[in-house]
Amino acid sequence: MKNKVQEVLNSFEPISLKEMDRVKLMDRTDRKYNFNISLLPELLKMVRDDYRALEVEGTRMSRYETLYYDTPEFDLFQNHHNGKMNRYKIRLRRYVETKLTFFEVKFKNNKGRVIKKRVKNTNAENSITDNSRQLLESVAGMTPESIEPKLWVNYNRVTLVNNKQEERITIDLDLEVKNNEAEADFTGLVIIEVKQAKVHETPFVKCLKKMHIRKGGTSKYCLAVSKLIPDIKKNNFKPNILAIQKIIDETYTA
């Protein structure tokens, strides 16, 4: 199935990282969709005339490795679980192909907008540098001493950019999560995020509806915590976790 995805991707017009700067969308709305990878080739065929595919170092499927931080008591996870607005995610993201690493603070406000701030991190040991400390303190009001690395979330990402509108689509697959005690994978799951300055209908959103793919999903960090930390409270995420497992199981029946 992945070969079919790659084959369709190769038929898209490419866009470079430099060209994509016009749609960074660091202040945006996000909509998530989860579905089985068996649907992805057809979806890509439907939108290829309206979008370009990001190409980095000759590939259109880039590897992301992300280390998430939280407080010792998982306060950031709990804020999300309890539906609190004005919440944060803190992470160190490594782009494998370009060998770049960024320390990022992601904030979701009470209007549902996502605001992301980041700085380059040049420390090879994944520790928080001085400029990362400054970002953490100024944006989240937290110190490096109040957080600790919790787990890794790794996946392959396809990025599509709308030819005419301010919109970026990220398509994540081959999701793997791990910490020092356990690891898990989500083979068959596709996680799509539609990122726009303002919510509006676009060719991609229309095709999702046409294929009866409904909006909904859990953040990759929250999914990873729920999977890897057995004794943590996750009742509010259980419906999404069960739905994701059902999607994964379709791999073997599709």
Protein backbone atom coordinates (compact mmCIF):
# COMPACT_ATOMS: atom_id res chain seq x y z
CA MET A 1 0.00 0.00 0.00
CA LYS A 2 2.83 2.38 0.81
CA ASN A 3 4.25 1.85 -2.68
CA LYS A 4 0.90 2.94 -4.14
CA VAL A 5 0.99 6.08 -1.99
CA GLN A 6 4.52 6.85 -3.17
CA GLU A 7 3.54 6.28 -6.80
CA VAL A 8 0.71 8.82 -6.61
CA LEU A 9 2.88 11.27 -4.69
CA ASN A 10 5.43 11.20 -7.49
CA SER A 11 2.74 12.47 -9.88
CA PHE A 12 2.31 15.74 -7.91
CA GLU A 13 4.08 18.93 -8.89
CA PRO A 14 6.82 19.57 -6.29
CA ILE A 15 7.30 22.54 -3.97
CA SER A 16 10.53 23.38 -2.14
CA LEU A 17 10.99 24.36 1.51
CA LYS A 18 11.87 27.89 0.42
CA GLU A 19 8.70 28.20 -1.65
CA MET A 20 6.63 26.83 1.23
CA ASP A 21 7.71 29.72 3.48
CA ARG A 22 4.62 31.63 2.34
CA VAL A 23 2.40 29.15 4.16
CA LYS A 24 4.24 28.64 7.46
CA LEU A 25 0.91 29.17 9.29
CA MET A 26 2.45 29.56 12.74
CA ASP A 27 -0.88 31.08 13.85
CA ARG A 28 -3.66 28.92 12.47
CA THR A 29 -6.63 26.62 12.82
CA ASP A 30 -6.13 22.84 12.74
CA ARG A 31 -8.59 20.11 11.80
CA LYS A 32 -7.63 16.46 12.30
CA TYR A 33 -8.80 13.38 10.41
CA ASN A 34 -7.91 9.70 11.00
CA PHE A 35 -8.45 6.88 8.50
CA ASN A 36 -6.95 3.69 7.11
CA ILE A 37 -4.03 3.91 4.69
CA SER A 38 -6.00 1.91 2.11
CA LEU A 39 -7.98 5.10 1.33
CA LEU A 40 -4.95 7.34 0.87
CA PRO A 41 -3.94 6.61 -2.76
CA GLU A 42 -7.44 7.43 -4.04
CA LEU A 43 -7.63 10.59 -1.92
CA LEU A 44 -4.28 11.79 -3.27
CA LYS A 45 -5.39 11.17 -6.86
CA MET A 46 -8.46 13.34 -6.26
CA VAL A 47 -6.46 16.38 -5.09
CA ARG A 48 -3.23 16.27 -7.09
CA ASP A 49 -4.27 18.99 -9.54
CA ASP A 50 -4.93 21.45 -6.70
CA TYR A 51 -1.88 20.84 -4.49
CA ARG A 52 1.89 20.55 -4.70
CA ALA A 53 3.93 18.06 -2.67
CA LEU A 54 6.85 19.21 -0.54
CA GLU A 55 10.10 17.69 -1.76
CA VAL A 56 13.11 17.64 0.59
CA GLU A 57 16.46 16.09 -0.36
CA GLY A 58 14.77 14.26 -3.23
CA THR A 59 12.01 12.69 -1.13
CA ARG A 60 8.32 13.52 -0.70
CA MET A 61 7.89 11.46 2.47
CA SER A 62 10.04 12.96 5.22
CA ARG A 63 10.99 11.40 8.56
CA TYR A 64 10.13 13.30 11.74
CA GLU A 65 11.42 12.38 15.21
CA THR A 66 9.86 14.31 18.08
CA LEU A 67 10.77 14.24 21.77
CA TYR A 68 7.92 15.52 23.97
CA TYR A 69 8.37 17.16 27.36
CA ASP A 70 5.93 17.39 30.23
CA THR A 71 5.98 17.99 33.96
CA PRO A 72 6.77 14.99 36.21
CA GLU A 73 3.00 14.64 36.85
CA PHE A 74 2.05 14.96 33.13
CA ASP A 75 0.25 18.27 33.71
CA LEU A 76 0.30 19.22 30.01
CA PHE A 77 -1.28 15.90 29.07
CA GLN A 78 -3.86 16.26 31.84
CA ASN A 79 -4.77 19.77 30.69
CA HIS A 80 -5.57 18.37 27.25
CA HIS A 81 -7.40 15.36 28.67
CA ASN A 82 -9.57 17.60 30.86
CA GLY A 83 -10.47 19.89 27.95
CA LYS A 84 -8.63 22.92 29.26
CA MET A 85 -8.14 25.70 26.76
CA ASN A 86 -4.98 27.86 26.74
CA ARG A 87 -2.82 24.75 26.87
CA TYR A 88 0.71 23.93 25.73
CA LYS A 89 2.76 21.21 24.11
CA ILE A 90 6.55 21.32 24.41
CA ARG A 91 8.75 19.32 22.10
CA LEU A 92 12.08 18.92 20.36
CA ARG A 93 11.54 18.07 16.69
CA ARG A 94 14.19 16.58 14.45
CA TYR A 95 13.87 16.66 10.66
CA VAL A 96 15.90 13.63 9.61
CA GLU A 97 16.52 14.51 5.94
CA THR A 98 17.73 18.06 6.60
CA LYS A 99 19.39 17.20 9.95
CA LEU A 100 17.71 20.24 11.53
CA THR A 101 16.31 20.25 15.07
CA PHE A 102 13.91 22.81 16.56
CA PHE A 103 12.68 23.36 20.10
CA GLU A 104 8.97 24.20 19.84
CA VAL A 105 6.28 25.53 22.13
CA LYS A 106 2.78 24.99 20.75
CA PHE A 107 -0.09 26.93 22.32
CA LYS A 108 -3.81 26.38 21.75
CA ASN A 109 -5.92 29.30 22.94
CA ASN A 110 -9.53 29.46 24.09
CA LYS A 111 -10.65 30.37 20.56
CA GLY A 112 -9.25 27.12 19.19
CA ARG A 113 -6.34 28.75 17.37
CA VAL A 114 -2.91 27.12 17.37
CA ILE A 115 0.13 29.37 17.78
CA LYS A 116 3.56 27.80 17.40
CA LYS A 117 6.89 29.35 18.33
CA ARG A 118 10.22 27.66 17.75
CA VAL A 119 13.99 28.14 17.75
CA LYS A 120 16.80 26.08 16.27
CA ASN A 121 18.41 23.66 18.68
CA THR A 122 22.03 22.79 17.94
CA ASN A 123 22.69 20.52 20.92
CA ALA A 124 23.30 16.98 19.71
CA GLU A 125 22.28 15.49 23.07
CA ASN A 126 18.67 16.75 22.90
CA SER A 127 19.09 19.00 25.94
CA ILE A 128 17.45 22.42 26.22
CA THR A 129 19.77 25.22 25.09
CA ASP A 130 19.84 28.83 26.29
CA ASN A 131 17.69 30.11 23.41
CA SER A 132 15.22 27.26 24.02
CA ARG A 133 15.08 28.22 27.69
CA GLN A 134 14.26 31.81 26.74
CA LEU A 135 11.46 30.66 24.43
CA LEU A 136 10.01 28.33 27.06
CA GLU A 137 10.03 31.02 29.74
CA SER A 138 8.66 33.82 27.54
CA VAL A 139 5.88 31.82 25.85
CA ALA A 140 4.81 29.22 28.42
CA GLY A 141 6.07 30.81 31.65
CA MET A 142 7.89 27.56 32.48
CA THR A 143 11.52 26.68 33.17
CA PRO A 144 13.51 23.70 31.90
CA GLU A 145 13.77 22.51 35.50
CA SER A 146 9.96 22.11 35.67
CA ILE A 147 9.75 19.68 32.75
CA GLU A 148 11.39 16.44 31.66
CA PRO A 149 11.57 14.39 28.44
CA LYS A 150 8.71 11.88 28.37
CA LEU A 151 8.56 10.01 25.08
CA TRP A 152 9.35 9.94 21.38
CA VAL A 153 6.78 10.19 18.60
CA ASN A 154 8.22 9.27 15.18
CA TYR A 155 6.53 9.08 11.78
CA ASN A 156 6.78 9.76 8.06
CA ARG A 157 5.13 12.95 6.83
CA VAL A 158 3.80 14.06 3.48
CA THR A 159 3.11 17.79 3.16
CA LEU A 160 0.79 19.24 0.50
CA VAL A 161 0.44 22.94 -0.25
CA ASN A 162 -2.65 24.45 -1.87
CA ASN A 163 -1.88 26.03 -5.25
CA LYS A 164 -4.20 29.01 -4.74
CA GLN A 165 -5.15 29.37 -1.07
CA GLU A 166 -3.31 29.68 2.24
CA GLU A 167 -3.54 26.06 3.28
CA ARG A 168 -1.15 23.27 4.18
CA ILE A 169 -2.03 19.59 4.57
CA THR A 170 0.13 17.22 6.60
CA ILE A 171 -0.30 13.47 6.17
CA ASP A 172 1.39 11.34 8.83
CA LEU A 173 1.87 7.59 8.58
CA ASP A 174 4.09 4.82 10.00
CA LEU A 175 3.53 6.26 13.48
CA GLU A 176 5.77 4.82 16.21
CA VAL A 177 5.90 5.86 19.87
CA LYS A 178 8.35 4.87 22.59
CA ASN A 179 9.80 5.70 25.98
CA ASN A 180 12.35 3.93 28.17
CA GLU A 181 9.87 1.25 29.21
CA ALA A 182 7.77 0.46 26.15
CA GLU A 183 7.11 1.07 22.48
CA ALA A 184 4.18 0.73 20.10
CA ASP A 185 3.32 1.31 16.46
CA PHE A 186 0.13 2.25 14.66
CA THR A 187 0.56 0.46 11.35
CA GLY A 188 -2.25 1.28 8.93
CA LEU A 189 -3.23 4.57 10.58
CA VAL A 190 -3.13 7.85 8.65
CA ILE A 191 -3.40 11.14 10.54
CA ILE A 192 -4.21 14.20 8.48
CA GLU A 193 -4.18 17.79 9.67
CA VAL A 194 -5.71 20.57 7.60
CA LYS A 195 -3.92 23.79 8.55
CA GLN A 196 -5.44 27.12 7.53
CA ALA A 197 -5.34 30.74 8.64
CA LYS A 198 -9.15 30.62 8.79
CA VAL A 199 -11.48 27.64 8.48
CA HIS A 200 -12.88 27.39 4.95
CA GLU A 201 -13.82 24.81 2.34
CA THR A 202 -11.03 23.75 -0.01
CA PRO A 203 -10.60 20.98 -2.58
CA PHE A 204 -8.97 18.75 0.03
CA VAL A 205 -11.72 19.23 2.61
CA LYS A 206 -14.36 18.59 -0.05
CA CYS A 207 -12.66 15.34 -1.08
CA LEU A 208 -12.50 14.18 2.53
CA LYS A 209 -16.25 14.69 2.76
CA LYS A 210 -16.81 12.95 -0.55
CA MET A 211 -14.96 9.91 0.81
CA HIS A 212 -16.98 10.07 4.05
CA ILE A 213 -13.86 10.74 6.15
CA ARG A 214 -15.04 12.61 9.22
CA LYS A 215 -13.20 15.16 11.30
CA GLY A 216 -11.90 13.92 14.63
CA GLY A 217 -8.86 12.56 16.37
CA THR A 218 -6.47 12.79 19.28
CA SER A 219 -3.10 14.51 19.31
CA LYS A 220 -0.16 12.23 18.64
CA TYR A 221 1.34 13.08 22.03
CA CYS A 222 -1.86 12.26 23.89
CA LEU A 223 -2.25 9.05 21.90
CA ALA A 224 1.33 8.08 22.81
CA VAL A 225 0.87 8.82 26.52
CA SER A 226 -2.39 6.85 26.57
CA LYS A 227 -0.66 3.89 24.93
CA LEU A 228 2.61 3.88 26.88
CA ILE A 229 1.63 5.00 30.40
CA PRO A 230 -0.73 2.31 31.73
CA ASP A 231 -1.83 3.94 34.98
CA ILE A 232 -2.57 7.44 33.71
CA LYS A 233 -6.12 8.79 33.57
CA LYS A 234 -7.36 8.69 29.96
CA ASN A 235 -11.12 8.10 30.12
CA ASN A 236 -11.92 11.09 27.93
CA PHE A 237 -9.67 9.77 25.17
CA LYS A 238 -11.03 6.21 25.17
CA PRO A 239 -13.63 6.76 22.39
CA ASN A 240 -10.93 8.13 20.08
CA ILE A 241 -8.48 5.38 21.04
CA LEU A 242 -11.09 2.70 20.27
CA ALA A 243 -11.91 4.40 16.96
CA ILE A 244 -8.22 4.45 16.03
CA GLN A 245 -7.85 0.77 16.86
CA LYS A 246 -10.83 0.01 14.63
CA ILE A 247 -9.16 1.96 11.80
CA ILE A 248 -5.94 -0.01 12.27
CA ASP A 249 -7.81 -3.33 12.26
CA GLU A 250 -9.24 -2.44 8.85
CA THR A 251 -5.74 -2.97 7.45
CA TYR A 252 -6.29 -6.70 7.66
CA THR A 253 -9.81 -6.76 6.26
CA ALA A 254 -9.65 -4.11 3.53
